[in-house]
All heavy atoms as atom14 arrays in JSON, in Angstrom:
{
  "sequence": "GLVQAGGSLRLSCAPSATLFNFNVRDWAWYRQVPGNARELVAAAM",
  "atom14_mask": [
    [1, 1, 1, 1, 0, 0, 0, 0, 0, 0, 0, 0, 0, 0],
    [1, 1, 1, 1, 1, 1, 1, 1, 0, 0, 0, 0, 0, 0],
    [1, 1, 1, 1, 1, 1, 1, 0, 0, 0, 0, 0, 0, 0],
    [1, 1, 1, 1, 1, 1, 1, 1, 1, 0, 0, 0, 0, 0],
    [1, 1, 1, 1, 1, 0, 0, 0, 0, 0, 0, 0, 0, 0],
    [1, 1, 1, 1, 0, 0, 0, 0, 0, 0, 0, 0, 0, 0],
    [1, 1, 1, 1, 0, 0, 0, 0, 0, 0, 0, 0, 0, 0],
    [1, 1, 1, 1, 1, 1, 0, 0, 0, 0, 0, 0, 0, 0],
    [1, 1, 1, 1, 1, 1, 1, 1, 0, 0, 0, 0, 0, 0],
    [1, 1, 1, 1, 1, 1, 1, 1, 1, 1, 1, 0, 0, 0],
    [1, 1, 1, 1, 1, 1, 1, 1, 0, 0, 0, 0, 0, 0],
    [1, 1, 1, 1, 1, 1, 0, 0, 0, 0, 0, 0, 0, 0],
    [1, 1, 1, 1, 1, 1, 0, 0, 0, 0, 0, 0, 0, 0],
    [1, 1, 1, 1, 1, 0, 0, 0, 0, 0, 0, 0, 0, 0],
    [1, 1, 1, 1, 1, 1, 1, 0, 0, 0, 0, 0, 0, 0],
    [1, 1, 1, 1, 1, 1, 0, 0, 0, 0, 0, 0, 0, 0],
    [1, 1, 1, 1, 1, 0, 0, 0, 0, 0, 0, 0, 0, 0],
    [1, 1, 1, 1, 1, 1, 1, 0, 0, 0, 0, 0, 0, 0],
    [1, 1, 1, 1, 1, 1, 1, 1, 0, 0, 0, 0, 0, 0],
    [1, 1, 1, 1, 1, 1, 1, 1, 1, 1, 1, 0, 0, 0],
    [1, 1, 1, 1, 1, 1, 1, 1, 0, 0, 0, 0, 0, 0],
    [1, 1, 1, 1, 1, 1, 1, 1, 1, 1, 1, 0, 0, 0],
    [1, 1, 1, 1, 1, 1, 1, 1, 0, 0, 0, 0, 0, 0],
    [1, 1, 1, 1, 1, 1, 1, 0, 0, 0, 0, 0, 0, 0],
    [1, 1, 1, 1, 1, 1, 1, 1, 1, 1, 1, 0, 0, 0],
    [1, 1, 1, 1, 1, 1, 1, 1, 0, 0, 0, 0, 0, 0],
    [1, 1, 1, 1, 1, 1, 1, 1, 1, 1, 1, 1, 1, 1],
    [1, 1, 1, 1, 1, 0, 0, 0, 0, 0, 0, 0, 0, 0],
    [1, 1, 1, 1, 1, 1, 1, 1, 1, 1, 1, 1, 1, 1],
    [1, 1, 1, 1, 1, 1, 1, 1, 1, 1, 1, 1, 0, 0],
    [1, 1, 1, 1, 1, 1, 1, 1, 1, 1, 1, 0, 0, 0],
    [1, 1, 1, 1, 1, 1, 1, 1, 1, 0, 0, 0, 0, 0],
    [1, 1, 1, 1, 1, 1, 1, 0, 0, 0, 0, 0, 0, 0],
    [1, 1, 1, 1, 1, 1, 1, 0, 0, 0, 0, 0, 0, 0],
    [1, 1, 1, 1, 0, 0, 0, 0, 0, 0, 0, 0, 0, 0],
    [1, 1, 1, 1, 1, 1, 1, 1, 0, 0, 0, 0, 0, 0],
    [1, 1, 1, 1, 1, 0, 0, 0, 0, 0, 0, 0, 0, 0],
    [1, 1, 1, 1, 1, 1, 1, 1, 1, 1, 1, 0, 0, 0],
    [1, 1, 1, 1, 1, 1, 1, 1, 1, 0, 0, 0, 0, 0],
    [1, 1, 1, 1, 1, 1, 1, 1, 0, 0, 0, 0, 0, 0],
    [1, 1, 1, 1, 1, 1, 1, 0, 0, 0, 0, 0, 0, 0],
    [1, 1, 1, 1, 1, 0, 0, 0, 0, 0, 0, 0, 0, 0],
    [1, 1, 1, 1, 1, 0, 0, 0, 0, 0, 0, 0, 0, 0],
    [1, 1, 1, 1, 1, 0, 0, 0, 0, 0, 0, 0, 0, 0],
    [1, 1, 1, 1, 1, 1, 1, 1, 0, 0, 0, 0, 0, 0]
  ],
  "atom14_positions": [
    [[-134.53, -138.04, -141.25], [-135.94, -138.01, -141.59], [-136.18, -138.36, -143.03], [-135.3, -138.88, -143.72], [0.0, 0.0, 0.0], [0.0, 0.0, 0.0], [0.0, 0.0, 0.0], [0.0, 0.0, 0.0], [0.0, 0.0, 0.0], [0.0, 0.0, 0.0], [0.0, 0.0, 0.0], [0.0, 0.0, 0.0], [0.0, 0.0, 0.0], [0.0, 0.0, 0.0]],
    [[-137.39, -138.07, -143.49], [-137.82, -138.34, -144.85], [-137.82, -137.05, -145.65], [-138.36, -136.03, -145.2], [-139.22, -138.96, -144.85], [-139.88, -139.2, -146.2], [-139.09, -140.23, -147.0], [-141.32, -139.65, -146.01], [0.0, 0.0, 0.0], [0.0, 0.0, 0.0], [0.0, 0.0, 0.0], [0.0, 0.0, 0.0], [0.0, 0.0, 0.0], [0.0, 0.0, 0.0]],
    [[-137.22, -137.09, -146.83], [-137.13, -135.91, -147.68], [-137.23, -136.34, -149.13], [-136.85, -137.46, -149.49], [-135.81, -135.15, -147.42], [-134.61, -135.99, -147.84], [-135.8, -133.81, -148.13], [0.0, 0.0, 0.0], [0.0, 0.0, 0.0], [0.0, 0.0, 0.0], [0.0, 0.0, 0.0], [0.0, 0.0, 0.0], [0.0, 0.0, 0.0], [0.0, 0.0, 0.0]],
    [[-137.76, -135.46, -149.97], [-137.85, -135.75, -151.39], [-136.51, -135.51, -152.07], [-135.68, -134.75, -151.59], [-138.92, -134.87, -152.05], [-140.34, -135.14, -151.59], [-141.36, -134.34, -152.36], [-141.14, -133.96, -153.51], [-142.5, -134.08, -151.74], [0.0, 0.0, 0.0], [0.0, 0.0, 0.0], [0.0, 0.0, 0.0], [0.0, 0.0, 0.0], [0.0, 0.0, 0.0]],
    [[-136.31, -136.2, -153.18], [-135.09, -136.0, -153.96], [-134.91, -134.52, -154.3], [-135.87, -133.84, -154.67], [-135.13, -136.84, -155.23], [0.0, 0.0, 0.0], [0.0, 0.0, 0.0], [0.0, 0.0, 0.0], [0.0, 0.0, 0.0], [0.0, 0.0, 0.0], [0.0, 0.0, 0.0], [0.0, 0.0, 0.0], [0.0, 0.0, 0.0], [0.0, 0.0, 0.0]],
    [[-133.68, -134.05, -154.16], [-133.38, -132.65, -154.38], [-133.45, -131.8, -153.13], [-133.0, -130.65, -153.15], [0.0, 0.0, 0.0], [0.0, 0.0, 0.0], [0.0, 0.0, 0.0], [0.0, 0.0, 0.0], [0.0, 0.0, 0.0], [0.0, 0.0, 0.0], [0.0, 0.0, 0.0], [0.0, 0.0, 0.0], [0.0, 0.0, 0.0], [0.0, 0.0, 0.0]],
    [[-133.98, -132.35, -152.05], [-134.11, -131.62, -150.81], [-132.84, -131.65, -149.98], [-131.8, -132.18, -150.4], [0.0, 0.0, 0.0], [0.0, 0.0, 0.0], [0.0, 0.0, 0.0], [0.0, 0.0, 0.0], [0.0, 0.0, 0.0], [0.0, 0.0, 0.0], [0.0, 0.0, 0.0], [0.0, 0.0, 0.0], [0.0, 0.0, 0.0], [0.0, 0.0, 0.0]],
    [[-132.94, -131.1, -148.77], [-131.79, -130.98, -147.88], [-132.12, -131.44, -146.47], [-133.27, -131.37, -146.03], [-131.31, -129.52, -147.82], [-130.9, -129.05, -149.09], [0.0, 0.0, 0.0], [0.0, 0.0, 0.0], [0.0, 0.0, 0.0], [0.0, 0.0, 0.0], [0.0, 0.0, 0.0], [0.0, 0.0, 0.0], [0.0, 0.0, 0.0], [0.0, 0.0, 0.0]],
    [[-131.11, -131.91, -145.77], [-131.18, -132.25, -144.36], [-129.88, -131.84, -143.69], [-128.82, -131.81, -144.35], [-131.41, -133.75, -144.15], [-132.8, -134.31, -144.42], [-132.76, -135.84, -144.3], [-133.83, -133.74, -143.47], [0.0, 0.0, 0.0], [0.0, 0.0, 0.0], [0.0, 0.0, 0.0], [0.0, 0.0, 0.0], [0.0, 0.0, 0.0], [0.0, 0.0, 0.0]],
    [[-129.96, -131.56, -142.41], [-128.78, -131.22, -141.63], [-128.73, -132.12, -140.4], [-129.61, -132.07, -139.54], [-128.81, -129.75, -141.2], [-127.54, -129.29, -140.47], [-127.63, -127.8, -140.15], [-126.47, -127.29, -139.42], [-125.35, -126.86, -140.0], [-125.23, -126.89, -141.32], [-124.36, -126.4, -139.26], [0.0, 0.0, 0.0], [0.0, 0.0, 0.0], [0.0, 0.0, 0.0]],
    [[-127.71, -132.96, -140.33], [-127.52, -133.87, -139.21], [-126.6, -133.24, -138.17], [-125.68, -132.5, -138.51], [-126.92, -135.19, -139.68], [-127.64, -135.93, -140.81], [-126.95, -137.25, -141.09], [-129.1, -136.15, -140.46], [0.0, 0.0, 0.0], [0.0, 0.0, 0.0], [0.0, 0.0, 0.0], [0.0, 0.0, 0.0], [0.0, 0.0, 0.0], [0.0, 0.0, 0.0]],
    [[-126.86, -133.55, -136.9], [-126.04, -133.07, -135.8], [-125.66, -134.24, -134.92], [-126.39, -135.22, -134.81], [-126.78, -132.01, -134.97], [-127.18, -130.92, -135.75], [0.0, 0.0, 0.0], [0.0, 0.0, 0.0], [0.0, 0.0, 0.0], [0.0, 0.0, 0.0], [0.0, 0.0, 0.0], [0.0, 0.0, 0.0], [0.0, 0.0, 0.0], [0.0, 0.0, 0.0]],
    [[-124.53, -134.11, -134.25], [-124.07, -135.15, -133.34], [-123.23, -134.51, -132.24], [-122.37, -133.66, -132.52], [-123.25, -136.2, -134.09], [-122.6, -137.53, -133.05], [0.0, 0.0, 0.0], [0.0, 0.0, 0.0], [0.0, 0.0, 0.0], [0.0, 0.0, 0.0], [0.0, 0.0, 0.0], [0.0, 0.0, 0.0], [0.0, 0.0, 0.0], [0.0, 0.0, 0.0]],
    [[-123.47, -134.93, -131.0], [-122.74, -134.39, -129.87], [-122.67, -135.42, -128.76], [-123.56, -136.27, -128.63], [-123.39, -133.11, -129.35], [0.0, 0.0, 0.0], [0.0, 0.0, 0.0], [0.0, 0.0, 0.0], [0.0, 0.0, 0.0], [0.0, 0.0, 0.0], [0.0, 0.0, 0.0], [0.0, 0.0, 0.0], [0.0, 0.0, 0.0], [0.0, 0.0, 0.0]],
    [[-121.64, -135.38, -127.93], [-121.53, -136.32, -126.83], [-122.55, -136.03, -125.74], [-122.95, -134.89, -125.52], [-120.11, -136.11, -126.3], [-119.38, -135.37, -127.37], [-120.42, -134.54, -128.04], [0.0, 0.0, 0.0], [0.0, 0.0, 0.0], [0.0, 0.0, 0.0], [0.0, 0.0, 0.0], [0.0, 0.0, 0.0], [0.0, 0.0, 0.0], [0.0, 0.0, 0.0]],
    [[-122.98, -137.09, -125.06], [-123.81, -136.94, -123.89], [-122.93, -136.59, -122.69], [-121.71, -136.51, -122.8], [-124.58, -138.23, -123.62], [-123.69, -139.29, -123.32], [0.0, 0.0, 0.0], [0.0, 0.0, 0.0], [0.0, 0.0, 0.0], [0.0, 0.0, 0.0], [0.0, 0.0, 0.0], [0.0, 0.0, 0.0], [0.0, 0.0, 0.0], [0.0, 0.0, 0.0]],
    [[-123.56, -136.36, -121.55], [-122.8, -136.08, -120.34], [-121.94, -137.27, -119.97], [-122.29, -138.42, -120.21], [-123.75, -135.73, -119.2], [0.0, 0.0, 0.0], [0.0, 0.0, 0.0], [0.0, 0.0, 0.0], [0.0, 0.0, 0.0], [0.0, 0.0, 0.0], [0.0, 0.0, 0.0], [0.0, 0.0, 0.0], [0.0, 0.0, 0.0], [0.0, 0.0, 0.0]],
    [[-120.8, -136.97, -119.38], [-119.85, -138.02, -119.01], [-119.12, -137.63, -117.73], [-119.01, -136.45, -117.4], [-118.83, -138.28, -120.12], [-117.91, -139.29, -119.71], [-118.07, -137.0, -120.46], [0.0, 0.0, 0.0], [0.0, 0.0, 0.0], [0.0, 0.0, 0.0], [0.0, 0.0, 0.0], [0.0, 0.0, 0.0], [0.0, 0.0, 0.0], [0.0, 0.0, 0.0]],
    [[-118.64, -138.63, -117.03], [-117.85, -138.39, -115.83], [-116.4, -138.05, -116.15], [-115.67, -137.59, -115.27], [-117.89, -139.62, -114.91], [-119.25, -140.01, -114.34], [-119.13, -141.31, -113.54], [-119.81, -138.9, -113.47], [0.0, 0.0, 0.0], [0.0, 0.0, 0.0], [0.0, 0.0, 0.0], [0.0, 0.0, 0.0], [0.0, 0.0, 0.0], [0.0, 0.0, 0.0]],
    [[-115.98, -138.28, -117.4], [-114.6, -138.07, -117.78], [-114.44, -136.8, -118.59], [-115.33, -136.39, -119.33], [-114.09, -139.27, -118.59], [-114.18, -140.58, -117.88], [-115.2, -141.48, -118.18], [-113.26, -140.93, -116.91], [-115.3, -142.69, -117.53], [-113.35, -142.14, -116.25], [-114.36, -143.02, -116.55], [0.0, 0.0, 0.0], [0.0, 0.0, 0.0], [0.0, 0.0, 0.0]],
    [[-113.29, -136.19, -118.47], [-112.93, -135.05, -119.3], [-112.22, -135.54, -120.56], [-111.39, -136.46, -120.5], [-112.01, -134.1, -118.54], [-112.72, -133.4, -117.41], [-113.89, -133.01, -117.53], [-112.02, -133.23, -116.3], [0.0, 0.0, 0.0], [0.0, 0.0, 0.0], [0.0, 0.0, 0.0], [0.0, 0.0, 0.0], [0.0, 0.0, 0.0], [0.0, 0.0, 0.0]],
    [[-112.55, -134.94, -121.69], [-111.95, -135.37, -122.94], [-112.0, -134.24, -123.95], [-112.74, -133.26, -123.78], [-112.67, -136.6, -123.51], [-114.12, -136.36, -123.8], [-114.53, -135.85, -125.01], [-115.08, -136.66, -122.84], [-115.87, -135.63, -125.28], [-116.42, -136.46, -123.1], [-116.82, -135.94, -124.32], [0.0, 0.0, 0.0], [0.0, 0.0, 0.0], [0.0, 0.0, 0.0]],
    [[-111.21, -134.39, -125.01], [-111.23, -133.5, -126.16], [-111.59, -134.32, -127.4], [-111.2, -135.49, -127.5], [-109.88, -132.83, -126.36], [-109.52, -131.88, -125.23], [-110.35, -131.11, -124.77], [-108.26, -131.94, -124.79], [0.0, 0.0, 0.0], [0.0, 0.0, 0.0], [0.0, 0.0, 0.0], [0.0, 0.0, 0.0], [0.0, 0.0, 0.0], [0.0, 0.0, 0.0]],
    [[-112.31, -133.71, -128.32], [-112.62, -134.36, -129.58], [-111.51, -134.05, -130.56], [-111.28, -132.88, -130.9], [-113.97, -133.89, -130.15], [-114.25, -134.61, -131.46], [-115.09, -134.15, -129.15], [0.0, 0.0, 0.0], [0.0, 0.0, 0.0], [0.0, 0.0, 0.0], [0.0, 0.0, 0.0], [0.0, 0.0, 0.0], [0.0, 0.0, 0.0], [0.0, 0.0, 0.0]],
    [[-110.84, -135.08, -131.01], [-109.76, -134.88, -131.97], [-110.3, -134.86, -133.4], [-110.12, -133.89, -134.13], [-108.71, -135.98, -131.82], [-107.51, -135.79, -132.72], [-106.45, -136.83, -132.44], [-105.27, -136.64, -133.27], [-104.19, -137.4, -133.23], [-104.13, -138.42, -132.4], [-103.16, -137.14, -134.02], [0.0, 0.0, 0.0], [0.0, 0.0, 0.0], [0.0, 0.0, 0.0]],
    [[-110.97, -135.94, -133.79], [-111.5, -136.07, -135.15], [-112.96, -136.48, -135.12], [-113.4, -137.23, -134.25], [-110.71, -137.11, -135.95], [-109.23, -136.81, -136.0], [-108.87, -135.61, -136.14], [-108.43, -137.75, -135.9], [0.0, 0.0, 0.0], [0.0, 0.0, 0.0], [0.0, 0.0, 0.0], [0.0, 0.0, 0.0], [0.0, 0.0, 0.0], [0.0, 0.0, 0.0]],
    [[-113.72, -135.97, -136.08], [-115.11, -136.35, -136.3], [-115.23, -137.02, -137.66], [-114.5, -136.71, -138.59], [-116.01, -135.12, -136.31], [-116.35, -134.49, -135.0], [-115.88, -133.31, -134.52], [-117.27, -134.98, -134.02], [-116.44, -133.03, -133.31], [-117.31, -134.05, -132.97], [-118.07, -136.13, -133.93], [-118.11, -134.21, -131.85], [-118.87, -136.29, -132.81], [-118.88, -135.35, -131.79]],
    [[-116.22, -137.91, -137.78], [-116.5, -138.53, -139.07], [-117.97, -138.93, -139.14], [-118.6, -139.2, -138.12], [-115.61, -139.74, -139.3], [0.0, 0.0, 0.0], [0.0, 0.0, 0.0], [0.0, 0.0, 0.0], [0.0, 0.0, 0.0], [0.0, 0.0, 0.0], [0.0, 0.0, 0.0], [0.0, 0.0, 0.0], [0.0, 0.0, 0.0], [0.0, 0.0, 0.0]],
    [[-118.49, -138.97, -140.36], [-119.82, -139.48, -140.63], [-119.71, -140.69, -141.54], [-118.98, -140.65, -142.54], [-120.71, -138.43, -141.31], [-121.18, -137.34, -140.4], [-120.63, -136.11, -140.23], [-122.32, -137.39, -139.54], [-121.34, -135.38, -139.33], [-122.39, -136.14, -138.88], [-123.29, -138.35, -139.26], [-123.4, -135.84, -137.96], [-124.28, -138.05, -138.34], [-124.33, -136.82, -137.71]],
    [[-120.41, -141.75, -141.19], [-120.5, -142.96, -141.99], [-121.96, -143.22, -142.31], [-122.86, -142.68, -141.68], [-119.93, -144.16, -141.24], [-118.44, -144.14, -141.02], [-117.86, -143.33, -140.05], [-117.59, -144.95, -141.79], [-116.49, -143.32, -139.85], [-116.22, -144.95, -141.59], [-115.68, -144.13, -140.62], [-114.32, -144.12, -140.42], [0.0, 0.0, 0.0], [0.0, 0.0, 0.0]],
    [[-122.19, -144.08, -143.29], [-123.54, -144.51, -143.59], [-123.53, -145.98, -143.99], [-122.52, -146.5, -144.46], [-124.18, -143.66, -144.68], [-123.57, -143.79, -146.06], [-124.21, -142.8, -147.02], [-123.67, -142.9, -148.37], [-123.96, -142.07, -149.35], [-124.81, -141.06, -149.14], [-123.43, -142.22, -150.55], [0.0, 0.0, 0.0], [0.0, 0.0, 0.0], [0.0, 0.0, 0.0]],
    [[-124.68, -146.62, -143.79], [-124.77, -148.04, -144.06], [-126.17, -148.42, -144.49], [-127.15, -147.98, -143.89], [-124.36, -148.86, -142.83], [-124.27, -150.35, -143.06], [-123.66, -151.07, -141.88], [-123.78, -150.63, -140.74], [-123.0, -152.19, -142.14], [0.0, 0.0, 0.0], [0.0, 0.0, 0.0], [0.0, 0.0, 0.0], [0.0, 0.0, 0.0], [0.0, 0.0, 0.0]],
    [[-126.25, -149.23, -145.52], [-127.49, -149.84, -145.99], [-127.43, -151.31, -145.6], [-126.38, -151.95, -145.72], [-127.64, -149.69, -147.51], [-128.92, -150.38, -147.99], [-127.64, -148.23, -147.91], [0.0, 0.0, 0.0], [0.0, 0.0, 0.0], [0.0, 0.0, 0.0], [0.0, 0.0, 0.0], [0.0, 0.0, 0.0], [0.0, 0.0, 0.0], [0.0, 0.0, 0.0]],
    [[-128.53, -151.9, -145.13], [-128.51, -153.32, -144.77], [-127.96, -154.18, -145.88], [-128.36, -154.04, -147.05], [-129.98, -153.62, -144.48], [-130.54, -152.33, -144.0], [-129.83, -151.28, -144.82], [0.0, 0.0, 0.0], [0.0, 0.0, 0.0], [0.0, 0.0, 0.0], [0.0, 0.0, 0.0], [0.0, 0.0, 0.0], [0.0, 0.0, 0.0], [0.0, 0.0, 0.0]],
    [[-127.04, -155.07, -145.54], [-126.41, -155.94, -146.52], [-125.17, -155.35, -147.16], [-124.5, -156.04, -147.94], [0.0, 0.0, 0.0], [0.0, 0.0, 0.0], [0.0, 0.0, 0.0], [0.0, 0.0, 0.0], [0.0, 0.0, 0.0], [0.0, 0.0, 0.0], [0.0, 0.0, 0.0], [0.0, 0.0, 0.0], [0.0, 0.0, 0.0], [0.0, 0.0, 0.0]],
    [[-124.86, -154.1, -146.87], [-123.69, -153.44, -147.42], [-122.72, -153.06, -146.32], [-123.08, -152.95, -145.14], [-124.09, -152.19, -148.2], [-124.8, -152.49, -149.5], [-124.19, -152.55, -150.55], [-126.11, -152.71, -149.42], [0.0, 0.0, 0.0], [0.0, 0.0, 0.0], [0.0, 0.0, 0.0], [0.0, 0.0, 0.0], [0.0, 0.0, 0.0], [0.0, 0.0, 0.0]],
    [[-121.48, -152.83, -146.7], [-120.47, -152.39, -145.76], [-120.7, -150.94, -145.37], [-121.2, -150.14, -146.16], [-119.08, -152.57, -146.36], [0.0, 0.0, 0.0], [0.0, 0.0, 0.0], [0.0, 0.0, 0.0], [0.0, 0.0, 0.0], [0.0, 0.0, 0.0], [0.0, 0.0, 0.0], [0.0, 0.0, 0.0], [0.0, 0.0, 0.0], [0.0, 0.0, 0.0]],
    [[-120.32, -150.62, -144.16], [-120.39, -149.23, -143.72], [-119.31, -148.43, -144.44], [-118.15, -148.85, -144.5], [-120.2, -149.16, -142.2], [-120.41, -147.79, -141.61], [-120.37, -147.82, -140.08], [-121.43, -148.66, -139.54], [-121.69, -148.8, -138.25], [-120.95, -148.13, -137.36], [-122.67, -149.59, -137.84], [0.0, 0.0, 0.0], [0.0, 0.0, 0.0], [0.0, 0.0, 0.0]],
    [[-119.69, -147.28, -144.98], [-118.76, -146.48, -145.75], [-118.57, -145.11, -145.15], [-119.5, -144.53, -144.57], [-119.23, -146.34, -147.21], [-120.52, -145.57, -147.38], [-120.86, -145.29, -148.84], [-119.94, -145.32, -149.68], [-122.04, -145.03, -149.13], [0.0, 0.0, 0.0], [0.0, 0.0, 0.0], [0.0, 0.0, 0.0], [0.0, 0.0, 0.0], [0.0, 0.0, 0.0]],
    [[-117.37, -144.59, -145.29], [-117.06, -143.25, -144.83], [-117.68, -142.23, -145.77], [-117.49, -142.3, -146.98], [-115.55, -143.05, -144.76], [-115.07, -141.65, -144.38], [-115.45, -141.33, -142.93], [-113.56, -141.53, -144.56], [0.0, 0.0, 0.0], [0.0, 0.0, 0.0], [0.0, 0.0, 0.0], [0.0, 0.0, 0.0], [0.0, 0.0, 0.0], [0.0, 0.0, 0.0]],
    [[-118.41, -141.28, -145.2], [-119.05, -140.22, -145.97], [-118.22, -138.95, -145.93], [-117.95, -138.32, -146.96], [-120.48, -139.94, -145.47], [-121.11, -138.77, -146.23], [-121.34, -141.18, -145.61], [0.0, 0.0, 0.0], [0.0, 0.0, 0.0], [0.0, 0.0, 0.0], [0.0, 0.0, 0.0], [0.0, 0.0, 0.0], [0.0, 0.0, 0.0], [0.0, 0.0, 0.0]],
    [[-117.83, -138.54, -144.73], [-117.07, -137.31, -144.56], [-116.32, -137.36, -143.24], [-116.75, -138.03, -142.3], [-117.98, -136.08, -144.6], [0.0, 0.0, 0.0], [0.0, 0.0, 0.0], [0.0, 0.0, 0.0], [0.0, 0.0, 0.0], [0.0, 0.0, 0.0], [0.0, 0.0, 0.0], [0.0, 0.0, 0.0], [0.0, 0.0, 0.0], [0.0, 0.0, 0.0]],
    [[-115.22, -136.65, -143.17], [-114.43, -136.57, -141.95], [-113.89, -135.17, -141.77], [-113.59, -134.48, -142.75], [-113.27, -137.58, -141.98], [0.0, 0.0, 0.0], [0.0, 0.0, 0.0], [0.0, 0.0, 0.0], [0.0, 0.0, 0.0], [0.0, 0.0, 0.0], [0.0, 0.0, 0.0], [0.0, 0.0, 0.0], [0.0, 0.0, 0.0], [0.0, 0.0, 0.0]],
    [[-113.76, -134.75, -140.52], [-113.21, -133.44, -140.17], [-112.16, -133.65, -139.09], [-112.49, -134.01, -137.96], [-114.3, -132.49, -139.7], [0.0, 0.0, 0.0], [0.0, 0.0, 0.0], [0.0, 0.0, 0.0], [0.0, 0.0, 0.0], [0.0, 0.0, 0.0], [0.0, 0.0, 0.0], [0.0, 0.0, 0.0], [0.0, 0.0, 0.0], [0.0, 0.0, 0.0]],
    [[-110.91, -133.41, -139.44], [-109.82, -133.6, -138.5], [-109.6, -132.34, -137.68], [-110.01, -131.24, -138.07], [-108.54, -133.99, -139.25], [-108.48, -135.46, -139.64], [-109.76, -135.97, -140.83], [-109.1, -135.26, -142.34], [0.0, 0.0, 0.0], [0.0, 0.0, 0.0], [0.0, 0.0, 0.0], [0.0, 0.0, 0.0], [0.0, 0.0, 0.0], [0.0, 0.0, 0.0]]
  ]
}
């Protein structure tokens, strides 16, 4: 969303329903600005 400088946001991410069983090994967050390369922000192994 939109926030003023100095403010806070909390992002969430989760898988949708699936026909397959799986485990999540590693999570990561990336970000990208148009015209720039996608960069790693944070990862949780």
